């Protein structure tokens, strides 16, 4: 992969919710070693665009390229498998946990197998 190829490229992304046009032909390019901030008014489409990139929303139109390869994201798990994850702006998902624990909530390493009803299965250890 050469450094000139964008890590992420979104072209002409459109997303509607009934009669509301949330995204109207948005383009976004993110290059290697680049930090990009999205800034805009409330309801400008920032979160919607990121939800499209993370697979939470399917765009009505447009193309997404990851490292030069066209992708059709179907859901957040698909996005995760190709290296895209989203940390939502919700405050304190679990306010008794630190930032790292919140980011990895639900994806913690598990060393034991759990059997039916959440009982540890000692036969497979």
N, C-alpha and C. Protein backbone atom coordinates (compact mmCIF):
# COMPACT_ATOMS: atom_id res chain seq x y z
N UNK A 1 0.85 -1.18 0.00
CA UNK A 1 0.00 0.00 0.00
C UNK A 1 0.89 1.25 0.00
N UNK A 2 0.74 2.08 -0.99
CA UNK A 2 1.57 3.28 -1.03
C UNK A 2 0.92 4.40 -0.22
N UNK A 3 1.75 5.29 0.26
CA UNK A 3 1.29 6.38 1.13
C UNK A 3 0.37 7.36 0.43
N UNK A 4 0.38 7.41 -0.91
CA UNK A 4 -0.47 8.34 -1.65
C UNK A 4 -1.93 7.89 -1.69
N UNK A 5 -2.18 6.59 -1.53
CA UNK A 5 -3.55 6.08 -1.55
C UNK A 5 -4.21 6.40 -0.21
N UNK A 6 -5.38 7.04 -0.25
CA UNK A 6 -6.06 7.36 1.01
C UNK A 6 -6.40 6.10 1.81
N UNK A 7 -6.35 6.22 3.12
CA UNK A 7 -6.77 5.14 4.00
C UNK A 7 -8.29 4.99 3.87
N UNK A 8 -9.00 6.10 3.87
CA UNK A 8 -10.45 6.13 3.73
C UNK A 8 -10.81 7.16 2.68
N UNK A 9 -11.70 6.77 1.78
CA UNK A 9 -12.24 7.73 0.82
C UNK A 9 -13.73 7.45 0.68
N UNK A 10 -14.51 8.47 0.92
CA UNK A 10 -15.96 8.38 0.77
C UNK A 10 -16.34 9.36 -0.33
N UNK A 11 -17.10 8.88 -1.32
CA UNK A 11 -17.46 9.71 -2.47
C UNK A 11 -18.97 9.80 -2.63
N UNK A 12 -19.46 11.03 -2.71
CA UNK A 12 -20.86 11.30 -3.04
C UNK A 12 -21.83 10.52 -2.14
N UNK A 13 -21.56 10.52 -0.83
CA UNK A 13 -22.39 9.77 0.11
C UNK A 13 -23.70 10.51 0.33
N UNK A 14 -24.80 9.78 0.13
CA UNK A 14 -26.13 10.33 0.36
C UNK A 14 -26.87 9.40 1.31
N UNK A 15 -27.62 10.01 2.24
CA UNK A 15 -28.42 9.24 3.18
C UNK A 15 -29.67 10.02 3.51
N UNK A 16 -30.81 9.37 3.33
CA UNK A 16 -32.11 9.98 3.63
C UNK A 16 -32.79 9.18 4.73
N UNK A 17 -33.54 9.88 5.55
CA UNK A 17 -34.43 9.28 6.53
C UNK A 17 -35.81 9.82 6.22
N UNK A 18 -36.61 9.03 5.52
CA UNK A 18 -37.92 9.47 5.01
C UNK A 18 -37.69 10.72 4.17
N UNK A 19 -38.33 11.83 4.51
CA UNK A 19 -38.21 13.05 3.71
C UNK A 19 -36.99 13.89 4.07
N UNK A 20 -36.26 13.50 5.11
CA UNK A 20 -35.10 14.28 5.57
C UNK A 20 -33.85 13.81 4.84
N UNK A 21 -33.20 14.74 4.15
CA UNK A 21 -31.95 14.45 3.46
C UNK A 21 -30.80 14.74 4.43
N UNK A 22 -30.27 13.71 5.07
CA UNK A 22 -29.23 13.89 6.09
C UNK A 22 -27.86 14.15 5.47
N UNK A 23 -27.54 13.44 4.40
CA UNK A 23 -26.27 13.62 3.70
C UNK A 23 -26.56 13.83 2.23
N UNK A 24 -25.98 14.88 1.67
CA UNK A 24 -26.27 15.27 0.28
C UNK A 24 -25.00 15.27 -0.56
N UNK A 25 -24.50 14.11 -0.87
CA UNK A 25 -23.32 14.03 -1.73
C UNK A 25 -22.03 14.42 -1.03
N UNK A 26 -21.77 13.83 0.12
CA UNK A 26 -20.60 14.17 0.93
C UNK A 26 -19.38 13.38 0.45
N UNK A 27 -18.25 14.08 0.36
CA UNK A 27 -16.95 13.47 0.06
C UNK A 27 -16.06 13.63 1.28
N UNK A 28 -15.27 12.60 1.58
CA UNK A 28 -14.32 12.67 2.69
C UNK A 28 -13.11 11.84 2.30
N UNK A 29 -11.92 12.38 2.53
CA UNK A 29 -10.68 11.66 2.24
C UNK A 29 -9.78 11.76 3.47
N UNK A 30 -9.26 10.62 3.90
CA UNK A 30 -8.36 10.57 5.03
C UNK A 30 -7.11 9.82 4.60
N UNK A 31 -5.95 10.49 4.73
CA UNK A 31 -4.67 9.92 4.30
C UNK A 31 -3.91 9.33 5.48
N UNK A 32 -2.91 8.53 5.17
CA UNK A 32 -2.02 7.96 6.19
C UNK A 32 -1.43 9.08 7.04
N UNK A 33 -1.26 8.84 8.31
CA UNK A 33 -0.64 9.77 9.26
C UNK A 33 -1.35 11.11 9.33
N UNK A 34 -2.64 11.12 9.06
CA UNK A 34 -3.43 12.35 9.10
C UNK A 34 -4.47 12.23 10.20
N UNK A 35 -4.67 13.33 10.90
CA UNK A 35 -5.74 13.42 11.90
C UNK A 35 -6.77 14.39 11.34
N UNK A 36 -8.01 13.96 11.31
CA UNK A 36 -9.06 14.77 10.71
C UNK A 36 -10.16 14.98 11.72
N UNK A 37 -10.61 16.20 11.87
CA UNK A 37 -11.73 16.51 12.75
C UNK A 37 -12.91 16.95 11.93
N UNK A 38 -14.08 16.45 12.27
CA UNK A 38 -15.32 16.89 11.62
C UNK A 38 -15.98 17.92 12.52
N UNK A 39 -16.25 19.08 11.96
CA UNK A 39 -16.83 20.17 12.72
C UNK A 39 -18.04 20.68 11.97
N UNK A 40 -19.10 20.98 12.70
CA UNK A 40 -20.28 21.53 12.06
C UNK A 40 -21.39 21.75 13.06
N UNK A 41 -22.43 22.42 12.61
CA UNK A 41 -23.59 22.68 13.45
C UNK A 41 -24.29 21.37 13.80
N UNK A 42 -25.14 21.44 14.82
CA UNK A 42 -26.00 20.31 15.13
C UNK A 42 -26.84 20.00 13.89
N UNK A 43 -27.03 18.73 13.63
CA UNK A 43 -27.82 18.24 12.49
C UNK A 43 -27.15 18.50 11.14
N UNK A 44 -25.83 18.71 11.16
CA UNK A 44 -25.09 18.93 9.90
C UNK A 44 -24.77 17.62 9.19
N UNK A 45 -24.87 16.49 9.90
CA UNK A 45 -24.62 15.19 9.28
C UNK A 45 -23.33 14.51 9.71
N UNK A 46 -22.62 15.08 10.67
CA UNK A 46 -21.34 14.50 11.11
C UNK A 46 -21.52 13.07 11.63
N UNK A 47 -22.44 12.90 12.56
CA UNK A 47 -22.67 11.56 13.14
C UNK A 47 -23.21 10.60 12.10
N UNK A 48 -24.08 11.07 11.24
CA UNK A 48 -24.62 10.22 10.20
C UNK A 48 -23.52 9.72 9.27
N UNK A 49 -22.60 10.60 8.89
CA UNK A 49 -21.49 10.21 8.03
C UNK A 49 -20.62 9.16 8.70
N UNK A 50 -20.34 9.34 9.99
CA UNK A 50 -19.51 8.38 10.71
C UNK A 50 -20.25 7.05 10.90
N UNK A 51 -21.56 7.10 11.05
CA UNK A 51 -22.33 5.86 11.14
C UNK A 51 -22.34 5.12 9.81
N UNK A 52 -22.31 5.84 8.71
CA UNK A 52 -22.17 5.20 7.39
C UNK A 52 -20.79 4.54 7.31
N UNK A 53 -19.75 5.26 7.71
CA UNK A 53 -18.40 4.70 7.65
C UNK A 53 -18.23 3.49 8.56
N UNK A 54 -18.92 3.49 9.68
CA UNK A 54 -18.77 2.38 10.63
C UNK A 54 -19.75 1.24 10.39
N UNK A 55 -20.56 1.34 9.34
CA UNK A 55 -21.46 0.26 8.99
C UNK A 55 -22.79 0.26 9.71
N UNK A 56 -23.03 1.24 10.57
CA UNK A 56 -24.30 1.31 11.29
C UNK A 56 -25.44 1.73 10.37
N UNK A 57 -25.14 2.56 9.38
CA UNK A 57 -26.11 2.97 8.36
C UNK A 57 -25.57 2.57 7.00
N UNK A 58 -26.46 2.17 6.12
CA UNK A 58 -26.10 1.88 4.74
C UNK A 58 -26.42 3.13 3.92
N UNK A 59 -25.46 3.65 3.15
CA UNK A 59 -25.76 4.86 2.37
C UNK A 59 -26.76 4.56 1.26
N UNK A 60 -27.57 5.55 0.93
CA UNK A 60 -28.51 5.41 -0.19
C UNK A 60 -27.78 5.49 -1.52
N UNK A 61 -26.71 6.26 -1.55
CA UNK A 61 -25.86 6.40 -2.74
C UNK A 61 -24.45 6.66 -2.28
N UNK A 62 -23.51 6.46 -3.19
CA UNK A 62 -22.11 6.79 -2.93
C UNK A 62 -21.23 5.56 -2.82
N UNK A 63 -19.93 5.82 -2.71
CA UNK A 63 -18.94 4.76 -2.66
C UNK A 63 -17.99 4.98 -1.50
N UNK A 64 -17.52 3.88 -0.92
CA UNK A 64 -16.54 3.92 0.16
C UNK A 64 -15.36 3.05 -0.26
N UNK A 65 -14.16 3.61 -0.11
CA UNK A 65 -12.93 2.89 -0.41
C UNK A 65 -12.07 2.85 0.85
N UNK A 66 -11.55 1.69 1.17
CA UNK A 66 -10.62 1.53 2.28
C UNK A 66 -9.31 1.06 1.68
N UNK A 67 -8.28 1.89 1.84
CA UNK A 67 -6.96 1.63 1.26
C UNK A 67 -7.07 1.29 -0.22
N UNK A 68 -7.90 2.05 -0.93
CA UNK A 68 -8.03 1.93 -2.37
C UNK A 68 -8.99 0.86 -2.87
N UNK A 69 -9.52 0.05 -1.96
CA UNK A 69 -10.44 -1.02 -2.35
C UNK A 69 -11.87 -0.64 -2.01
N UNK A 70 -12.75 -0.77 -2.99
CA UNK A 70 -14.15 -0.44 -2.78
C UNK A 70 -14.77 -1.45 -1.82
N UNK A 71 -15.50 -0.95 -0.83
CA UNK A 71 -16.17 -1.82 0.13
C UNK A 71 -17.66 -1.47 0.18
N UNK A 72 -18.46 -2.44 0.53
CA UNK A 72 -19.89 -2.27 0.75
C UNK A 72 -20.15 -2.73 2.18
N UNK A 73 -20.09 -1.80 3.11
CA UNK A 73 -20.25 -2.16 4.52
C UNK A 73 -21.69 -2.54 4.79
N UNK A 74 -21.87 -3.67 5.45
CA UNK A 74 -23.21 -4.18 5.71
C UNK A 74 -23.67 -4.00 7.16
N UNK A 75 -22.72 -3.90 8.07
CA UNK A 75 -23.04 -3.72 9.49
C UNK A 75 -21.75 -3.40 10.24
N UNK A 76 -21.85 -3.00 11.53
CA UNK A 76 -20.63 -2.66 12.29
C UNK A 76 -19.64 -3.81 12.43
N UNK A 77 -20.10 -5.05 12.49
CA UNK A 77 -19.16 -6.17 12.57
C UNK A 77 -18.34 -6.31 11.30
N UNK A 78 -18.97 -6.08 10.17
CA UNK A 78 -18.25 -6.09 8.89
C UNK A 78 -17.19 -4.99 8.89
N UNK A 79 -17.57 -3.80 9.33
CA UNK A 79 -16.62 -2.68 9.40
C UNK A 79 -15.46 -3.02 10.34
N UNK A 80 -15.77 -3.63 11.47
CA UNK A 80 -14.73 -3.99 12.44
C UNK A 80 -13.73 -4.96 11.81
N UNK A 81 -14.23 -5.92 11.04
CA UNK A 81 -13.34 -6.91 10.42
C UNK A 81 -12.34 -6.28 9.46
N UNK A 82 -12.70 -5.13 8.87
CA UNK A 82 -11.74 -4.47 7.96
C UNK A 82 -11.02 -3.30 8.62
N UNK A 83 -11.17 -3.18 9.96
CA UNK A 83 -10.38 -2.22 10.71
C UNK A 83 -11.05 -0.90 11.04
N UNK A 84 -12.37 -0.81 10.88
CA UNK A 84 -13.08 0.43 11.19
C UNK A 84 -13.92 0.22 12.43
N UNK A 85 -13.76 1.10 13.41
CA UNK A 85 -14.54 1.04 14.63
C UNK A 85 -15.02 2.44 14.96
N UNK A 86 -16.10 2.51 15.70
CA UNK A 86 -16.69 3.80 16.06
C UNK A 86 -16.81 3.86 17.58
N UNK A 87 -16.36 4.96 18.15
CA UNK A 87 -16.59 5.24 19.56
C UNK A 87 -17.60 6.38 19.57
N UNK A 88 -18.81 6.09 20.03
CA UNK A 88 -19.88 7.08 20.00
C UNK A 88 -19.68 8.15 21.06
N UNK A 89 -20.30 9.29 20.85
CA UNK A 89 -20.10 10.44 21.71
C UNK A 89 -20.92 10.38 22.99
N UNK A 90 -21.62 9.27 23.22
CA UNK A 90 -22.40 9.14 24.45
C UNK A 90 -21.49 9.32 25.65
N UNK A 91 -21.98 10.07 26.63
CA UNK A 91 -21.20 10.30 27.83
C UNK A 91 -21.38 9.14 28.80
N UNK A 92 -20.29 8.61 29.27
CA UNK A 92 -20.28 7.61 30.33
C UNK A 92 -21.20 6.44 30.04
N UNK A 93 -20.85 5.65 29.05
CA UNK A 93 -21.60 4.44 28.76
C UNK A 93 -21.71 3.59 30.03
N UNK A 94 -20.60 3.40 30.69
CA UNK A 94 -20.55 2.73 31.99
C UNK A 94 -19.67 3.61 32.86
N UNK A 95 -20.28 4.54 33.60
CA UNK A 95 -19.48 5.55 34.30
C UNK A 95 -18.67 5.00 35.47
N UNK A 96 -18.83 3.72 35.80
CA UNK A 96 -17.98 3.11 36.82
C UNK A 96 -16.69 2.54 36.23
N UNK A 97 -16.56 2.59 34.88
CA UNK A 97 -15.38 2.07 34.20
C UNK A 97 -14.55 3.21 33.63
N UNK A 98 -13.24 2.97 33.45
CA UNK A 98 -12.39 3.98 32.84
C UNK A 98 -12.59 4.01 31.32
N UNK A 99 -11.92 4.94 30.64
CA UNK A 99 -12.09 5.12 29.20
C UNK A 99 -11.77 3.84 28.43
N UNK A 100 -10.64 3.22 28.74
CA UNK A 100 -10.23 2.01 28.03
C UNK A 100 -11.27 0.91 28.19
N UNK A 101 -11.76 0.71 29.39
CA UNK A 101 -12.77 -0.33 29.63
C UNK A 101 -14.05 -0.03 28.86
N UNK A 102 -14.44 1.24 28.75
CA UNK A 102 -15.62 1.60 27.98
C UNK A 102 -15.41 1.35 26.49
N UNK A 103 -14.22 1.68 25.98
CA UNK A 103 -13.94 1.49 24.56
C UNK A 103 -14.02 0.00 24.20
N UNK A 104 -13.53 -0.86 25.08
CA UNK A 104 -13.51 -2.29 24.79
C UNK A 104 -14.67 -3.06 25.43
N UNK A 105 -15.66 -2.36 25.93
CA UNK A 105 -16.81 -2.99 26.56
C UNK A 105 -17.48 -3.96 25.59
N UNK A 106 -17.62 -5.20 26.02
CA UNK A 106 -18.23 -6.22 25.17
C UNK A 106 -17.22 -6.97 24.31
N UNK A 107 -15.96 -6.57 24.35
CA UNK A 107 -14.93 -7.24 23.55
C UNK A 107 -13.74 -7.60 24.42
N UNK A 108 -13.99 -7.79 25.71
CA UNK A 108 -12.92 -8.13 26.62
C UNK A 108 -12.40 -9.53 26.31
N UNK A 109 -11.13 -9.79 26.59
CA UNK A 109 -10.58 -11.13 26.43
C UNK A 109 -11.19 -12.04 27.49
N UNK A 110 -11.60 -13.21 27.07
CA UNK A 110 -12.18 -14.19 27.99
C UNK A 110 -11.31 -15.43 27.95
N UNK A 111 -10.87 -15.89 29.11
CA UNK A 111 -9.97 -17.04 29.14
C UNK A 111 -10.70 -18.36 29.37
N UNK A 112 -11.93 -18.33 29.87
CA UNK A 112 -12.70 -19.55 30.11
C UNK A 112 -13.87 -19.63 29.16
N UNK A 113 -14.27 -20.83 28.83
CA UNK A 113 -15.47 -21.02 28.01
C UNK A 113 -16.69 -21.03 28.94
N UNK A 114 -17.73 -20.41 28.47
CA UNK A 114 -18.96 -20.35 29.25
C UNK A 114 -19.97 -21.29 28.61
N UNK A 115 -20.58 -22.13 29.42
CA UNK A 115 -21.60 -23.05 28.92
C UNK A 115 -22.97 -22.42 28.98
N UNK A 116 -24.00 -23.21 28.77
CA UNK A 116 -25.38 -22.70 28.81
C UNK A 116 -25.69 -22.07 30.16
N UNK A 117 -26.52 -21.06 30.14
CA UNK A 117 -26.98 -20.34 31.33
C UNK A 117 -25.85 -19.64 32.07
N UNK A 118 -24.73 -19.40 31.40
CA UNK A 118 -23.64 -18.65 32.00
C UNK A 118 -22.84 -19.43 33.03
N UNK A 119 -22.99 -20.74 33.09
CA UNK A 119 -22.24 -21.55 34.02
C UNK A 119 -20.94 -21.97 33.37
N UNK A 120 -19.82 -21.85 34.11
CA UNK A 120 -18.54 -22.23 33.55
C UNK A 120 -18.54 -23.72 33.20
N UNK A 121 -18.14 -24.03 32.00
CA UNK A 121 -18.09 -25.41 31.54
C UNK A 121 -16.72 -25.98 31.86
N UNK A 122 -16.63 -26.75 32.93
CA UNK A 122 -15.32 -27.29 33.36
C UNK A 122 -14.87 -28.46 32.51
N UNK A 123 -15.77 -29.04 31.72
CA UNK A 123 -15.40 -30.18 30.88
C UNK A 123 -14.52 -29.77 29.70
N UNK A 124 -14.56 -28.50 29.29
CA UNK A 124 -13.77 -28.09 28.12
C UNK A 124 -12.50 -27.38 28.53
N UNK A 125 -12.17 -27.36 29.81
CA UNK A 125 -10.98 -26.63 30.27
C UNK A 125 -9.76 -27.51 30.22
